[in-house]
Amino acid sequence: MAGRLRELMLLRHAKSDWKSDSEDDISRPLSDKGKKHASKLGKWLFQNQLMPDLILASPAIRAQQTLKRICNECSASAIIVDSLYNADISQLRQVLADAPFAERIMLVGHNPGLEELFNLLVSEQQPVEHVQLFPTCAMAHFIMPSDWSHLEAGDGKLQQFITPKQLKNA
């Protein structure tokens, strides 16, 4: 991990509304519960001074709505990256390799790709007891090497993994 360290935040969109009238998956909005969870996470991020400098987000409506609620207090610029919609791990790695430099980047996307990237970045030496699944509105915060052009297994040092259940009282 030579050079200046950077931070990466992986955020899965909040819970979506499967009963909506949306005609396709990309148009599915957040559920009321998802809206509430995203707002709580946004408050938590602000209170803990963890607002991103740059956000890379999926074009899916549920990802956009999550982003809007998370970043009510945020002045970060957001870039919509079409390839983040249903991206697999190789696409996610490419998005990060191509990302403009920022010290703290938040990537807003979907499973299973986010969970696969999470598992790649976490080294086997880091105990991660409660991460069996990357639930909706979960956020993983990593310290990373400065160069993201060739991310490898164990490159991330997990700082925290936050789920909506942990923010019940927020």
N, C-alpha and C. Protein backbone atom coordinates (compact mmCIF):
# COMPACT_ATOMS: atom_id res chain seq x y z
N MET A 1 0.83 -1.19 0.00
CA MET A 1 0.00 0.00 0.00
C MET A 1 0.87 1.25 0.00
N ALA A 2 1.64 1.39 -1.01
CA ALA A 2 2.52 2.55 -1.12
C ALA A 2 1.71 3.77 -1.51
N GLY A 3 2.24 4.94 -1.17
CA GLY A 3 1.56 6.18 -1.54
C GLY A 3 0.49 6.56 -0.53
N ARG A 4 -0.21 7.61 -0.87
CA ARG A 4 -1.26 8.13 0.00
C ARG A 4 -2.46 7.19 0.01
N LEU A 5 -3.03 6.98 1.17
CA LEU A 5 -4.19 6.11 1.29
C LEU A 5 -5.46 6.85 0.90
N ARG A 6 -6.40 6.10 0.40
CA ARG A 6 -7.70 6.64 0.01
C ARG A 6 -8.78 5.81 0.71
N GLU A 7 -10.02 6.27 0.58
CA GLU A 7 -11.13 5.55 1.19
C GLU A 7 -12.16 5.19 0.13
N LEU A 8 -12.76 4.02 0.31
CA LEU A 8 -13.81 3.55 -0.57
C LEU A 8 -15.00 3.15 0.28
N MET A 9 -16.16 3.62 -0.12
CA MET A 9 -17.40 3.26 0.55
C MET A 9 -18.28 2.53 -0.46
N LEU A 10 -18.60 1.29 -0.16
CA LEU A 10 -19.51 0.52 -1.01
C LEU A 10 -20.89 0.61 -0.39
N LEU A 11 -21.85 1.08 -1.15
CA LEU A 11 -23.22 1.23 -0.64
C LEU A 11 -24.19 0.51 -1.56
N ARG A 12 -24.91 -0.43 -1.00
CA ARG A 12 -25.97 -1.08 -1.77
C ARG A 12 -27.21 -0.21 -1.64
N HIS A 13 -27.95 -0.07 -2.73
CA HIS A 13 -29.18 0.72 -2.70
C HIS A 13 -30.09 0.25 -1.57
N ALA A 14 -30.97 1.12 -1.10
CA ALA A 14 -31.92 0.77 -0.04
C ALA A 14 -33.02 -0.14 -0.60
N LYS A 15 -33.84 -0.63 0.30
CA LYS A 15 -34.89 -1.60 -0.06
C LYS A 15 -35.84 -1.01 -1.09
N SER A 16 -36.08 -1.79 -2.12
CA SER A 16 -36.95 -1.31 -3.21
C SER A 16 -38.38 -1.81 -3.04
N ASP A 17 -39.26 -1.19 -3.79
CA ASP A 17 -40.69 -1.51 -3.73
C ASP A 17 -41.04 -2.47 -4.87
N TRP A 18 -41.14 -3.74 -4.52
CA TRP A 18 -41.45 -4.77 -5.52
C TRP A 18 -42.89 -4.67 -6.00
N LYS A 19 -43.73 -3.93 -5.27
CA LYS A 19 -45.15 -3.82 -5.65
C LYS A 19 -45.43 -2.57 -6.48
N SER A 20 -44.39 -1.88 -6.88
CA SER A 20 -44.60 -0.65 -7.64
C SER A 20 -45.09 -0.98 -9.05
N ASP A 21 -45.57 0.04 -9.72
CA ASP A 21 -46.08 -0.13 -11.09
C ASP A 21 -44.97 -0.01 -12.14
N SER A 22 -43.73 0.00 -11.71
CA SER A 22 -42.63 0.18 -12.67
C SER A 22 -42.62 -0.99 -13.67
N GLU A 23 -42.34 -0.64 -14.90
CA GLU A 23 -42.40 -1.63 -15.97
C GLU A 23 -41.14 -2.48 -16.06
N ASP A 24 -40.03 -1.98 -15.58
CA ASP A 24 -38.81 -2.77 -15.65
C ASP A 24 -37.98 -2.60 -14.39
N ASP A 25 -37.00 -3.45 -14.21
CA ASP A 25 -36.19 -3.49 -12.99
C ASP A 25 -35.48 -2.17 -12.73
N ILE A 26 -34.93 -1.55 -13.74
CA ILE A 26 -34.16 -0.33 -13.56
C ILE A 26 -35.02 0.83 -13.04
N SER A 27 -36.33 0.74 -13.25
CA SER A 27 -37.26 1.81 -12.85
C SER A 27 -37.88 1.58 -11.47
N ARG A 28 -37.55 0.48 -10.81
CA ARG A 28 -38.18 0.18 -9.52
C ARG A 28 -37.73 1.17 -8.46
N PRO A 29 -38.70 1.82 -7.77
CA PRO A 29 -38.36 2.83 -6.76
C PRO A 29 -38.10 2.20 -5.38
N LEU A 30 -37.73 3.05 -4.43
CA LEU A 30 -37.57 2.61 -3.05
C LEU A 30 -38.92 2.38 -2.39
N SER A 31 -38.93 1.47 -1.45
CA SER A 31 -40.11 1.29 -0.60
C SER A 31 -40.05 2.35 0.50
N ASP A 32 -41.13 2.49 1.26
CA ASP A 32 -41.13 3.45 2.37
C ASP A 32 -40.03 3.09 3.38
N LYS A 33 -39.88 1.79 3.63
CA LYS A 33 -38.84 1.33 4.55
C LYS A 33 -37.45 1.69 4.00
N GLY A 34 -37.25 1.52 2.71
CA GLY A 34 -35.98 1.86 2.08
C GLY A 34 -35.67 3.35 2.21
N LYS A 35 -36.69 4.18 2.02
CA LYS A 35 -36.50 5.63 2.16
C LYS A 35 -36.06 5.99 3.57
N LYS A 36 -36.71 5.35 4.55
CA LYS A 36 -36.38 5.60 5.96
C LYS A 36 -34.95 5.16 6.27
N HIS A 37 -34.58 3.97 5.81
CA HIS A 37 -33.22 3.47 6.06
C HIS A 37 -32.16 4.36 5.42
N ALA A 38 -32.39 4.80 4.19
CA ALA A 38 -31.42 5.65 3.50
C ALA A 38 -31.25 6.99 4.23
N SER A 39 -32.35 7.56 4.69
CA SER A 39 -32.27 8.83 5.43
C SER A 39 -31.48 8.65 6.72
N LYS A 40 -31.71 7.55 7.43
CA LYS A 40 -30.98 7.29 8.67
C LYS A 40 -29.49 7.12 8.41
N LEU A 41 -29.15 6.40 7.35
CA LEU A 41 -27.74 6.22 7.03
C LEU A 41 -27.10 7.55 6.65
N GLY A 42 -27.82 8.38 5.91
CA GLY A 42 -27.31 9.70 5.57
C GLY A 42 -27.01 10.54 6.80
N LYS A 43 -27.91 10.51 7.78
CA LYS A 43 -27.69 11.25 9.03
C LYS A 43 -26.47 10.71 9.76
N TRP A 44 -26.35 9.38 9.79
CA TRP A 44 -25.22 8.74 10.47
C TRP A 44 -23.90 9.13 9.80
N LEU A 45 -23.86 9.10 8.48
CA LEU A 45 -22.64 9.48 7.76
C LEU A 45 -22.26 10.92 8.06
N PHE A 46 -23.26 11.81 8.07
CA PHE A 46 -23.00 13.22 8.36
C PHE A 46 -22.48 13.39 9.79
N GLN A 47 -23.15 12.75 10.75
CA GLN A 47 -22.74 12.85 12.16
C GLN A 47 -21.33 12.32 12.39
N ASN A 48 -20.94 11.33 11.61
CA ASN A 48 -19.62 10.71 11.76
C ASN A 48 -18.58 11.27 10.79
N GLN A 49 -18.94 12.37 10.14
CA GLN A 49 -18.05 13.07 9.20
C GLN A 49 -17.47 12.12 8.15
N LEU A 50 -18.34 11.31 7.57
CA LEU A 50 -17.94 10.34 6.55
C LEU A 50 -18.59 10.62 5.21
N MET A 51 -18.81 11.87 4.90
CA MET A 51 -19.41 12.19 3.61
C MET A 51 -18.36 12.02 2.52
N PRO A 52 -18.77 11.45 1.40
CA PRO A 52 -17.81 11.22 0.31
C PRO A 52 -17.43 12.50 -0.43
N ASP A 53 -16.29 12.45 -1.10
CA ASP A 53 -15.85 13.54 -1.97
C ASP A 53 -16.41 13.37 -3.37
N LEU A 54 -16.62 12.12 -3.76
CA LEU A 54 -17.12 11.79 -5.08
C LEU A 54 -18.01 10.56 -4.97
N ILE A 55 -19.10 10.57 -5.71
CA ILE A 55 -20.03 9.44 -5.71
C ILE A 55 -20.16 8.91 -7.13
N LEU A 56 -20.02 7.60 -7.26
CA LEU A 56 -20.24 6.91 -8.52
C LEU A 56 -21.48 6.06 -8.31
N ALA A 57 -22.53 6.31 -9.10
CA ALA A 57 -23.81 5.67 -8.82
C ALA A 57 -24.41 5.00 -10.04
N SER A 58 -25.13 3.93 -9.76
CA SER A 58 -25.90 3.22 -10.78
C SER A 58 -27.02 4.12 -11.28
N PRO A 59 -27.44 3.95 -12.53
CA PRO A 59 -28.56 4.74 -13.05
C PRO A 59 -29.93 4.25 -12.59
N ALA A 60 -29.99 3.12 -11.89
CA ALA A 60 -31.28 2.59 -11.44
C ALA A 60 -31.98 3.59 -10.53
N ILE A 61 -33.30 3.69 -10.67
CA ILE A 61 -34.08 4.65 -9.87
C ILE A 61 -33.85 4.43 -8.38
N ARG A 62 -33.84 3.18 -7.92
CA ARG A 62 -33.66 2.91 -6.49
C ARG A 62 -32.28 3.36 -6.00
N ALA A 63 -31.26 3.27 -6.84
CA ALA A 63 -29.93 3.75 -6.47
C ALA A 63 -29.92 5.28 -6.41
N GLN A 64 -30.58 5.92 -7.36
CA GLN A 64 -30.65 7.39 -7.39
C GLN A 64 -31.42 7.92 -6.18
N GLN A 65 -32.53 7.25 -5.83
CA GLN A 65 -33.31 7.69 -4.67
C GLN A 65 -32.54 7.47 -3.37
N THR A 66 -31.79 6.38 -3.30
CA THR A 66 -30.95 6.13 -2.12
C THR A 66 -29.92 7.24 -2.00
N LEU A 67 -29.27 7.53 -3.10
CA LEU A 67 -28.24 8.58 -3.13
C LEU A 67 -28.81 9.92 -2.67
N LYS A 68 -29.97 10.27 -3.17
CA LYS A 68 -30.59 11.55 -2.81
C LYS A 68 -30.84 11.64 -1.30
N ARG A 69 -31.32 10.57 -0.71
CA ARG A 69 -31.61 10.59 0.73
C ARG A 69 -30.34 10.52 1.57
N ILE A 70 -29.35 9.80 1.10
CA ILE A 70 -28.08 9.70 1.83
C ILE A 70 -27.39 11.06 1.85
N CYS A 71 -27.43 11.73 0.73
CA CYS A 71 -26.62 12.94 0.57
C CYS A 71 -27.39 14.24 0.72
N ASN A 72 -28.42 14.24 1.53
CA ASN A 72 -29.12 15.49 1.83
C ASN A 72 -28.15 16.54 2.37
N GLU A 73 -27.18 16.08 3.16
CA GLU A 73 -26.22 16.97 3.80
C GLU A 73 -24.90 17.02 3.03
N CYS A 74 -24.86 16.43 1.87
CA CYS A 74 -23.61 16.19 1.17
C CYS A 74 -23.42 17.15 0.01
N SER A 75 -22.20 17.61 -0.17
CA SER A 75 -21.91 18.50 -1.30
C SER A 75 -21.08 17.79 -2.37
N ALA A 76 -20.92 16.49 -2.24
CA ALA A 76 -20.11 15.73 -3.20
C ALA A 76 -20.76 15.72 -4.57
N SER A 77 -19.91 15.68 -5.57
CA SER A 77 -20.46 15.55 -6.92
C SER A 77 -20.73 14.07 -7.18
N ALA A 78 -21.78 13.82 -7.95
CA ALA A 78 -22.17 12.45 -8.27
C ALA A 78 -22.05 12.24 -9.77
N ILE A 79 -21.52 11.10 -10.13
CA ILE A 79 -21.41 10.71 -11.53
C ILE A 79 -22.25 9.45 -11.72
N ILE A 80 -23.19 9.51 -12.65
CA ILE A 80 -23.99 8.33 -12.97
C ILE A 80 -23.18 7.49 -13.95
N VAL A 81 -22.96 6.24 -13.58
CA VAL A 81 -22.15 5.33 -14.39
C VAL A 81 -23.05 4.19 -14.84
N ASP A 82 -23.41 4.21 -16.11
CA ASP A 82 -24.35 3.21 -16.64
C ASP A 82 -23.90 1.78 -16.37
N SER A 83 -22.62 1.53 -16.43
CA SER A 83 -22.13 0.16 -16.25
C SER A 83 -22.25 -0.35 -14.82
N LEU A 84 -22.63 0.51 -13.87
CA LEU A 84 -22.84 0.05 -12.50
C LEU A 84 -24.15 -0.70 -12.32
N TYR A 85 -25.07 -0.53 -13.25
CA TYR A 85 -26.35 -1.25 -13.14
C TYR A 85 -26.09 -2.73 -13.37
N ASN A 86 -26.32 -3.52 -12.33
CA ASN A 86 -26.10 -4.98 -12.36
C ASN A 86 -24.67 -5.37 -12.74
N ALA A 87 -23.72 -4.55 -12.33
CA ALA A 87 -22.31 -4.82 -12.65
C ALA A 87 -21.79 -6.03 -11.90
N ASP A 88 -20.93 -6.79 -12.59
CA ASP A 88 -20.25 -7.89 -11.92
C ASP A 88 -18.93 -7.34 -11.36
N ILE A 89 -18.18 -8.20 -10.70
CA ILE A 89 -16.97 -7.74 -10.02
C ILE A 89 -15.94 -7.15 -10.98
N SER A 90 -15.81 -7.72 -12.17
CA SER A 90 -14.82 -7.16 -13.10
C SER A 90 -15.25 -5.77 -13.59
N GLN A 91 -16.54 -5.56 -13.79
CA GLN A 91 -17.02 -4.23 -14.18
C GLN A 91 -16.82 -3.22 -13.04
N LEU A 92 -17.07 -3.64 -11.80
CA LEU A 92 -16.87 -2.75 -10.66
C LEU A 92 -15.40 -2.37 -10.52
N ARG A 93 -14.53 -3.33 -10.68
CA ARG A 93 -13.09 -3.04 -10.61
C ARG A 93 -12.68 -2.06 -11.70
N GLN A 94 -13.26 -2.20 -12.88
CA GLN A 94 -12.93 -1.29 -13.99
C GLN A 94 -13.44 0.12 -13.71
N VAL A 95 -14.65 0.22 -13.16
CA VAL A 95 -15.20 1.54 -12.81
C VAL A 95 -14.28 2.23 -11.81
N LEU A 96 -13.81 1.50 -10.81
CA LEU A 96 -12.91 2.09 -9.82
C LEU A 96 -11.56 2.45 -10.43
N ALA A 97 -11.06 1.62 -11.31
CA ALA A 97 -9.79 1.92 -11.98
C ALA A 97 -9.88 3.19 -12.82
N ASP A 98 -11.05 3.41 -13.42
CA ASP A 98 -11.26 4.57 -14.30
C ASP A 98 -11.75 5.82 -13.56
N ALA A 99 -12.04 5.70 -12.28
CA ALA A 99 -12.64 6.81 -11.53
C ALA A 99 -11.68 7.98 -11.40
N PRO A 100 -12.23 9.20 -11.45
CA PRO A 100 -11.39 10.37 -11.19
C PRO A 100 -10.83 10.28 -9.76
N PHE A 101 -9.69 10.90 -9.53
CA PHE A 101 -9.11 10.83 -8.18
C PHE A 101 -9.98 11.60 -7.19
N ALA A 102 -10.23 10.98 -6.07
CA ALA A 102 -10.86 11.62 -4.92
C ALA A 102 -10.38 10.84 -3.71
N GLU A 103 -10.28 11.50 -2.58
CA GLU A 103 -9.79 10.81 -1.38
C GLU A 103 -10.81 9.83 -0.84
N ARG A 104 -12.09 10.19 -0.91
CA ARG A 104 -13.14 9.29 -0.39
C ARG A 104 -14.22 9.15 -1.46
N ILE A 105 -14.32 7.96 -2.01
CA ILE A 105 -15.29 7.67 -3.06
C ILE A 105 -16.36 6.73 -2.54
N MET A 106 -17.61 7.05 -2.86
CA MET A 106 -18.73 6.16 -2.55
C MET A 106 -19.22 5.57 -3.86
N LEU A 107 -19.36 4.25 -3.88
CA LEU A 107 -19.89 3.56 -5.04
C LEU A 107 -21.27 3.02 -4.66
N VAL A 108 -22.31 3.46 -5.36
CA VAL A 108 -23.69 3.05 -5.06
C VAL A 108 -24.14 2.07 -6.13
N GLY A 109 -24.40 0.83 -5.71
CA GLY A 109 -24.73 -0.19 -6.69
C GLY A 109 -25.61 -1.30 -6.17
N HIS A 110 -25.37 -2.49 -6.71
CA HIS A 110 -26.29 -3.62 -6.55
C HIS A 110 -25.54 -4.90 -6.21
N ASN A 111 -26.27 -5.84 -5.66
CA ASN A 111 -25.76 -7.20 -5.49
C ASN A 111 -26.06 -8.00 -6.74
N PRO A 112 -25.36 -9.04 -7.03
CA PRO A 112 -24.30 -9.65 -6.23
C PRO A 112 -22.92 -9.00 -6.39
N GLY A 113 -22.78 -8.07 -7.32
CA GLY A 113 -21.48 -7.46 -7.59
C GLY A 113 -20.84 -6.80 -6.39
N LEU A 114 -21.62 -6.02 -5.62
CA LEU A 114 -21.04 -5.33 -4.46
C LEU A 114 -20.52 -6.33 -3.43
N GLU A 115 -21.30 -7.37 -3.19
CA GLU A 115 -20.86 -8.38 -2.23
C GLU A 115 -19.58 -9.08 -2.71
N GLU A 116 -19.49 -9.35 -3.99
CA GLU A 116 -18.29 -9.97 -4.54
C GLU A 116 -17.08 -9.05 -4.40
N LEU A 117 -17.26 -7.76 -4.66
CA LEU A 117 -16.17 -6.80 -4.50
C LEU A 117 -15.77 -6.69 -3.04
N PHE A 118 -16.75 -6.63 -2.16
CA PHE A 118 -16.49 -6.60 -0.72
C PHE A 118 -15.61 -7.78 -0.32
N ASN A 119 -16.02 -8.98 -0.74
CA ASN A 119 -15.28 -10.19 -0.38
C ASN A 119 -13.87 -10.20 -0.95
N LEU A 120 -13.68 -9.61 -2.12
CA LEU A 120 -12.34 -9.50 -2.69
C LEU A 120 -11.46 -8.58 -1.85
N LEU A 121 -12.02 -7.44 -1.46
CA LEU A 121 -11.22 -6.42 -0.77
C LEU A 121 -10.87 -6.79 0.66
N VAL A 122 -11.74 -7.52 1.33
CA VAL A 122 -11.50 -7.89 2.72
C VAL A 122 -10.47 -9.01 2.75
N SER A 123 -9.43 -8.81 3.50
CA SER A 123 -8.43 -9.88 3.60
C SER A 123 -8.91 -10.94 4.57
N GLU A 124 -8.35 -12.12 4.46
CA GLU A 124 -8.75 -13.23 5.33
C GLU A 124 -8.38 -12.97 6.79
N GLN A 125 -7.44 -12.06 7.03
CA GLN A 125 -7.04 -11.77 8.40
C GLN A 125 -8.04 -10.87 9.12
N GLN A 126 -8.96 -10.27 8.39
CA GLN A 126 -9.92 -9.36 9.01
C GLN A 126 -11.18 -10.13 9.39
N PRO A 127 -11.48 -10.25 10.68
CA PRO A 127 -12.70 -10.96 11.06
C PRO A 127 -13.94 -10.14 10.68
N VAL A 128 -14.81 -10.74 9.92
CA VAL A 128 -16.04 -10.08 9.49
C VAL A 128 -17.19 -11.01 9.84
N GLU A 129 -17.62 -10.97 11.09
CA GLU A 129 -18.60 -11.93 11.59
C GLU A 129 -19.99 -11.72 11.01
N HIS A 130 -20.40 -10.48 10.89
CA HIS A 130 -21.80 -10.21 10.57
C HIS A 130 -22.07 -9.98 9.08
N VAL A 131 -21.10 -10.22 8.22
CA VAL A 131 -21.30 -9.98 6.80
C VAL A 131 -21.44 -11.30 6.06
N GLN A 132 -22.64 -11.85 6.09
CA GLN A 132 -22.92 -13.05 5.31
C GLN A 132 -23.55 -12.65 4.00
N LEU A 133 -24.23 -11.57 4.02
CA LEU A 133 -24.91 -11.01 2.86
C LEU A 133 -24.67 -9.52 2.90
N PHE A 134 -24.73 -8.88 1.79
CA PHE A 134 -24.62 -7.43 1.75
C PHE A 134 -26.05 -6.92 1.63
N PRO A 135 -26.74 -6.68 2.76
CA PRO A 135 -28.16 -6.32 2.70
C PRO A 135 -28.39 -4.94 2.08
N THR A 136 -29.63 -4.68 1.75
CA THR A 136 -29.98 -3.37 1.20
C THR A 136 -29.62 -2.28 2.21
N CYS A 137 -29.15 -1.18 1.70
CA CYS A 137 -28.74 0.00 2.46
C CYS A 137 -27.58 -0.29 3.42
N ALA A 138 -26.81 -1.32 3.13
CA ALA A 138 -25.59 -1.58 3.91
C ALA A 138 -24.45 -0.79 3.28
N MET A 139 -23.51 -0.39 4.13
CA MET A 139 -22.38 0.39 3.66
C MET A 139 -21.09 -0.17 4.27
N ALA A 140 -20.14 -0.46 3.41
CA ALA A 140 -18.82 -0.91 3.85
C ALA A 140 -17.83 0.22 3.59
N HIS A 141 -17.02 0.52 4.58
CA HIS A 141 -16.05 1.62 4.49
C HIS A 141 -14.64 1.03 4.60
N PHE A 142 -13.84 1.25 3.58
CA PHE A 142 -12.48 0.71 3.51
C PHE A 142 -11.44 1.80 3.43
N ILE A 143 -10.27 1.52 4.00
CA ILE A 143 -9.05 2.27 3.70
C ILE A 143 -8.37 1.48 2.59
N MET A 144 -7.95 2.20 1.55
CA MET A 144 -7.45 1.56 0.33
C MET A 144 -6.09 2.13 -0.06
N PRO A 145 -5.35 1.38 -0.89
CA PRO A 145 -4.13 1.96 -1.45
C PRO A 145 -4.51 3.10 -2.40
N SER A 146 -3.57 3.95 -2.72
CA SER A 146 -3.89 5.09 -3.59
C SER A 146 -4.16 4.68 -5.03
N ASP A 147 -3.54 3.61 -5.49
CA ASP A 147 -3.70 3.17 -6.88
C ASP A 147 -4.78 2.10 -6.97
N TRP A 148 -5.84 2.40 -7.70
CA TRP A 148 -6.96 1.46 -7.83
C TRP A 148 -6.98 0.80 -9.21
N SER A 149 -5.89 0.91 -9.95
CA SER A 149 -5.89 0.38 -11.31
C SER A 149 -5.89 -1.15 -11.36
N HIS A 150 -5.39 -1.79 -10.33
CA HIS A 150 -5.35 -3.26 -10.29
C HIS A 150 -5.67 -3.74 -8.88
N LEU A 151 -6.89 -3.59 -8.44
CA LEU A 151 -7.26 -4.01 -7.09
C LEU A 151 -7.18 -5.53 -6.97
N GLU A 152 -6.59 -5.97 -5.88
CA GLU A 152 -6.37 -7.40 -5.64
C GLU A 152 -7.02 -7.81 -4.32
N ALA A 153 -7.06 -9.11 -4.10
CA ALA A 153 -7.62 -9.65 -2.86
C ALA A 153 -6.87 -9.08 -1.67
N GLY A 154 -7.63 -8.61 -0.69
CA GLY A 154 -7.05 -8.09 0.53
C GLY A 154 -6.56 -6.66 0.45
N ASP A 155 -6.78 -5.95 -0.65
CA ASP A 155 -6.30 -4.57 -0.78
C ASP A 155 -7.03 -3.60 0.16
N GLY A 156 -8.23 -3.93 0.57
CA GLY A 156 -8.99 -3.02 1.43
C GLY A 156 -8.83 -3.37 2.89
N LYS A 157 -8.76 -2.34 3.72
CA LYS A 157 -8.76 -2.55 5.17
C LYS A 157 -10.11 -2.06 5.67
N LEU A 158 -10.97 -3.00 6.03
CA LEU A 158 -12.33 -2.65 6.43
C LEU A 158 -12.32 -1.84 7.72
N GLN A 159 -12.96 -0.67 7.67
CA GLN A 159 -13.07 0.20 8.84
C GLN A 159 -14.38 -0.06 9.57
N GLN A 160 -15.44 -0.23 8.78
CA GLN A 160 -16.75 -0.51 9.38
C GLN A 160 -17.70 -1.04 8.33
N PHE A 161 -18.67 -1.77 8.82
CA PHE A 161 -19.74 -2.29 7.98
C PHE A 161 -21.03 -1.96 8.69
N ILE A 162 -21.83 -1.08 8.09
CA ILE A 162 -23.04 -0.56 8.72
C ILE A 162 -24.27 -1.10 7.99
N THR A 163 -25.23 -1.59 8.76
CA THR A 163 -26.50 -2.06 8.19
C THR A 163 -27.64 -1.26 8.81
N PRO A 164 -28.81 -1.27 8.17
CA PRO A 164 -29.96 -0.56 8.75
C PRO A 164 -30.30 -1.02 10.17
N LYS A 165 -30.12 -2.31 10.46
CA LYS A 165 -30.42 -2.81 11.81
C LYS A 165 -29.56 -2.14 12.87
N GLN A 166 -28.32 -1.82 12.51
CA GLN A 166 -27.42 -1.16 13.46
C GLN A 166 -27.83 0.30 13.70
N LEU A 167 -28.61 0.86 12.81
CA LEU A 167 -29.00 2.27 12.91
C LEU A 167 -30.42 2.43 13.42
N LYS A 168 -30.97 1.38 14.02
CA LYS A 168 -32.36 1.41 14.50
C LYS A 168 -32.67 2.64 15.33
N ASN A 169 -31.76 2.98 16.22
CA ASN A 169 -32.01 4.09 17.15
C ASN A 169 -31.47 5.43 16.66
N ALA A 170 -31.00 5.46 15.43
CA ALA A 170 -30.42 6.71 14.90
C ALA A 170 -31.50 7.71 14.56
